Amino acid sequence: MKWYVVHTYASHEFKIKESIEKGVIDTPLESNLGQILIPTQKTFHIRDGKKVEREKKLFNSYIIIEADLTPEFITFVVGLPGVTHFLGNGKKPQPLSEHEINRLLGIADRDKSETETYDFLPGDMVKITDGPFNEFDGVIDKVSEDRKKLTVKVTVFGRVTPVEVKTDQVEIL
């Protein structure tokens, strides 16, 4: 089985996943379907002075399917309401590379760690939610060794400025 990307209407990802899973039960297509993945990550933000956790989809309007693609399976999936197409060149779906899948599965499994803190990565877009730079958006430049502080590059008066913040003062965009 290989992994493929399916493009859906916005906010229909979980409905499509459920439709595919229910639609193949007790049919010959059931053996063609592996896993269906909607990559999400846990984010935290401050609301009314309290830290609130929420899940955010990493790729809006896309789901990742592990499947043996047959013409019947492609027709079934594309025929579902809310599905536009498989990603690929032309009409032929393009499977994801092993490297891409390992990275996606790593992102999906990152929030299952035993620690309570969230692992921010350099390059993540964040919004500062507390402190003197409240409401500024920026990009994480560095993560401290203890994973409690971040260096975020924000634009202040037209200049990119590194700002050090605690992990509970930001939320992923």
Protein backbone atom coordinates (compact mmCIF):
# COMPACT_ATOMS: atom_id res chain seq x y z
CA MET A 1 0.00 0.00 0.00
CA LYS A 2 1.13 3.52 -0.73
CA TRP A 3 0.12 6.89 0.69
CA TYR A 4 -1.84 9.41 -1.37
CA VAL A 5 -3.21 12.90 -0.75
CA VAL A 6 -6.88 13.69 -1.35
CA HIS A 7 -8.07 17.28 -1.72
CA THR A 8 -11.42 18.03 -0.05
CA TYR A 9 -13.66 21.00 0.49
CA ALA A 10 -12.62 23.20 3.40
CA SER A 11 -13.61 21.79 6.82
CA HIS A 12 -14.84 18.51 5.31
CA GLU A 13 -11.77 16.46 6.22
CA PHE A 14 -13.29 14.52 9.14
CA LYS A 15 -16.59 13.97 7.27
CA ILE A 16 -14.73 12.56 4.26
CA LYS A 17 -12.61 10.29 6.49
CA GLU A 18 -15.77 8.92 8.09
CA SER A 19 -17.51 8.50 4.70
CA ILE A 20 -14.59 6.53 3.27
CA GLU A 21 -14.32 4.28 6.34
CA LYS A 22 -18.06 3.56 6.42
CA GLY A 23 -18.38 3.26 2.63
CA VAL A 24 -15.85 0.45 2.21
CA ILE A 25 -17.14 -1.75 5.06
CA ASP A 26 -18.24 -5.18 3.75
CA THR A 27 -17.25 -4.36 0.16
CA PRO A 28 -14.38 -5.63 -2.01
CA LEU A 29 -12.77 -2.17 -1.60
CA GLU A 30 -12.24 -2.77 2.13
CA SER A 31 -8.99 -4.64 1.48
CA ASN A 32 -7.66 -1.67 -0.54
CA LEU A 33 -7.86 0.79 2.37
CA GLY A 34 -5.19 1.16 5.05
CA GLN A 35 -5.05 4.18 7.34
CA ILE A 36 -6.58 7.61 6.86
CA LEU A 37 -4.58 10.45 8.38
CA ILE A 38 -5.59 14.04 9.08
CA PRO A 39 -2.41 15.59 10.52
CA THR A 40 -3.15 17.81 13.52
CA GLN A 41 -1.08 19.35 16.27
CA LYS A 42 -1.92 20.54 19.74
CA THR A 43 -1.69 24.27 20.25
CA PHE A 44 -2.12 26.32 23.37
CA HIS A 45 -3.46 29.82 23.75
CA ILE A 46 -4.42 32.03 26.65
CA ARG A 47 -8.12 32.79 27.04
CA ASP A 48 -9.34 34.78 30.05
CA GLY A 49 -5.99 34.24 31.74
CA LYS A 50 -6.18 30.43 31.39
CA LYS A 51 -4.12 28.18 29.16
CA VAL A 52 -6.47 26.47 26.69
CA GLU A 53 -5.47 23.53 24.49
CA ARG A 54 -6.87 22.97 21.01
CA GLU A 55 -6.10 20.84 17.98
CA LYS A 56 -5.26 22.54 14.72
CA LYS A 57 -5.15 20.87 11.31
CA LEU A 58 -1.74 21.15 9.66
CA PHE A 59 -3.08 20.92 6.11
CA ASN A 60 -6.53 22.41 5.61
CA SER A 61 -8.59 20.69 2.89
CA TYR A 62 -6.30 17.65 2.64
CA ILE A 63 -6.39 14.11 3.98
CA ILE A 64 -3.74 11.44 3.55
CA ILE A 65 -4.87 7.91 2.65
CA GLU A 66 -2.90 4.67 2.71
CA ALA A 67 -4.38 2.53 -0.04
CA ASP A 68 -3.90 0.20 -2.96
CA LEU A 69 -5.36 2.35 -5.69
CA THR A 70 -7.54 0.60 -8.22
CA PRO A 71 -9.79 2.37 -10.72
CA GLU A 72 -12.80 1.32 -8.62
CA PHE A 73 -11.28 2.73 -5.42
CA ILE A 74 -10.35 6.04 -7.10
CA THR A 75 -13.89 6.33 -8.51
CA PHE A 76 -15.39 5.60 -5.07
CA VAL A 77 -13.28 8.23 -3.27
CA VAL A 78 -13.58 10.96 -5.92
CA GLY A 79 -17.33 10.29 -6.14
CA LEU A 80 -17.88 11.21 -2.48
CA PRO A 81 -19.49 14.61 -1.88
CA GLY A 82 -16.82 17.05 -0.72
CA VAL A 83 -13.88 15.36 -2.49
CA THR A 84 -12.35 17.24 -5.41
CA HIS A 85 -9.42 15.04 -6.54
CA PHE A 86 -6.30 13.08 -5.68
CA LEU A 87 -3.06 15.06 -5.87
CA GLY A 88 -0.80 14.06 -8.70
CA ASN A 89 0.32 14.90 -12.18
CA GLY A 90 -2.62 14.99 -14.55
CA LYS A 91 -5.29 12.41 -13.82
CA LYS A 92 -2.91 9.91 -12.20
CA PRO A 93 -2.60 10.11 -8.37
CA GLN A 94 0.99 10.60 -7.20
CA PRO A 95 2.06 8.56 -4.13
CA LEU A 96 3.99 10.32 -1.36
CA SER A 97 7.63 9.44 -0.86
CA GLU A 98 8.79 7.42 2.14
CA HIS A 99 10.57 10.50 3.51
CA GLU A 100 7.39 12.61 3.33
CA ILE A 101 5.34 9.93 5.08
CA ASN A 102 7.89 9.47 7.87
CA ARG A 103 7.87 13.22 8.43
CA LEU A 104 4.06 13.35 8.50
CA LEU A 105 3.82 10.40 10.87
CA GLY A 106 6.43 12.06 13.08
CA ILE A 107 4.36 15.25 13.20
CA ALA A 108 1.22 13.27 13.95
CA ASP A 109 2.97 11.34 16.74
CA ARG A 110 4.78 14.35 18.20
CA ASP A 111 1.85 15.31 20.43
CA LYS A 112 1.69 11.79 21.93
CA SER A 113 4.87 12.30 23.93
CA GLU A 114 4.79 11.75 27.65
CA THR A 115 5.83 15.29 28.47
CA GLU A 116 3.25 17.95 29.08
CA THR A 117 5.12 20.68 27.21
CA TYR A 118 4.62 21.31 23.53
CA ASP A 119 7.63 20.89 21.25
CA PHE A 120 7.99 24.03 19.17
CA LEU A 121 10.17 23.81 16.10
CA PRO A 122 12.29 26.53 14.49
CA GLY A 123 10.39 27.93 11.52
CA ASP A 124 6.93 27.58 13.13
CA MET A 125 4.73 30.66 12.74
CA VAL A 126 3.48 31.86 16.14
CA LYS A 127 1.39 34.64 17.60
CA ILE A 128 2.57 36.15 20.88
CA THR A 129 -0.41 36.14 23.26
CA ASP A 130 1.09 37.67 26.40
CA GLY A 131 3.72 40.19 27.44
CA PRO A 132 4.96 43.42 25.89
CA PHE A 133 4.82 41.99 22.34
CA ASN A 134 1.21 40.80 22.71
CA GLU A 135 -0.56 40.36 19.33
CA PHE A 136 2.71 40.29 17.33
CA ASP A 137 3.17 37.47 14.80
CA GLY A 138 6.59 35.99 14.20
CA VAL A 139 8.69 32.99 13.27
CA ILE A 140 10.50 30.84 15.83
CA ASP A 141 14.24 31.24 15.36
CA LYS A 142 15.57 29.20 18.31
CA VAL A 143 14.23 26.92 21.02
CA SER A 144 16.10 26.85 24.35
CA GLU A 145 17.63 23.57 25.51
CA ASP A 146 15.09 23.20 28.31
CA ARG A 147 12.27 23.89 25.79
CA LYS A 148 10.75 26.59 28.03
CA LYS A 149 11.88 29.70 26.10
CA LEU A 150 11.76 30.63 22.44
CA THR A 151 13.51 33.25 20.38
CA VAL A 152 10.91 34.64 17.98
CA LYS A 153 11.69 37.02 15.11
CA VAL A 154 9.02 39.75 14.97
CA THR A 155 8.83 42.88 12.83
CA VAL A 156 8.87 46.05 14.94
CA PHE A 157 8.77 49.40 13.13
CA GLY A 158 9.76 47.70 9.88
CA ARG A 159 12.78 45.89 11.35
CA VAL A 160 13.07 42.20 12.18
CA THR A 161 13.83 41.93 15.90
CA PRO A 162 14.54 38.76 17.92
CA VAL A 163 12.36 38.56 21.03
CA GLU A 164 12.68 35.98 23.83
CA VAL A 165 9.36 34.63 25.15
CA LYS A 166 8.18 31.70 27.25
CA THR A 167 6.41 28.83 25.52
CA ASP A 168 3.13 29.61 27.30
CA GLN A 169 3.16 33.13 25.82
CA VAL A 170 2.70 31.98 22.21
CA GLU A 171 0.26 30.03 20.09
CA ILE A 172 0.94 28.31 16.78
CA LEU A 173 -0.67 29.96 13.74
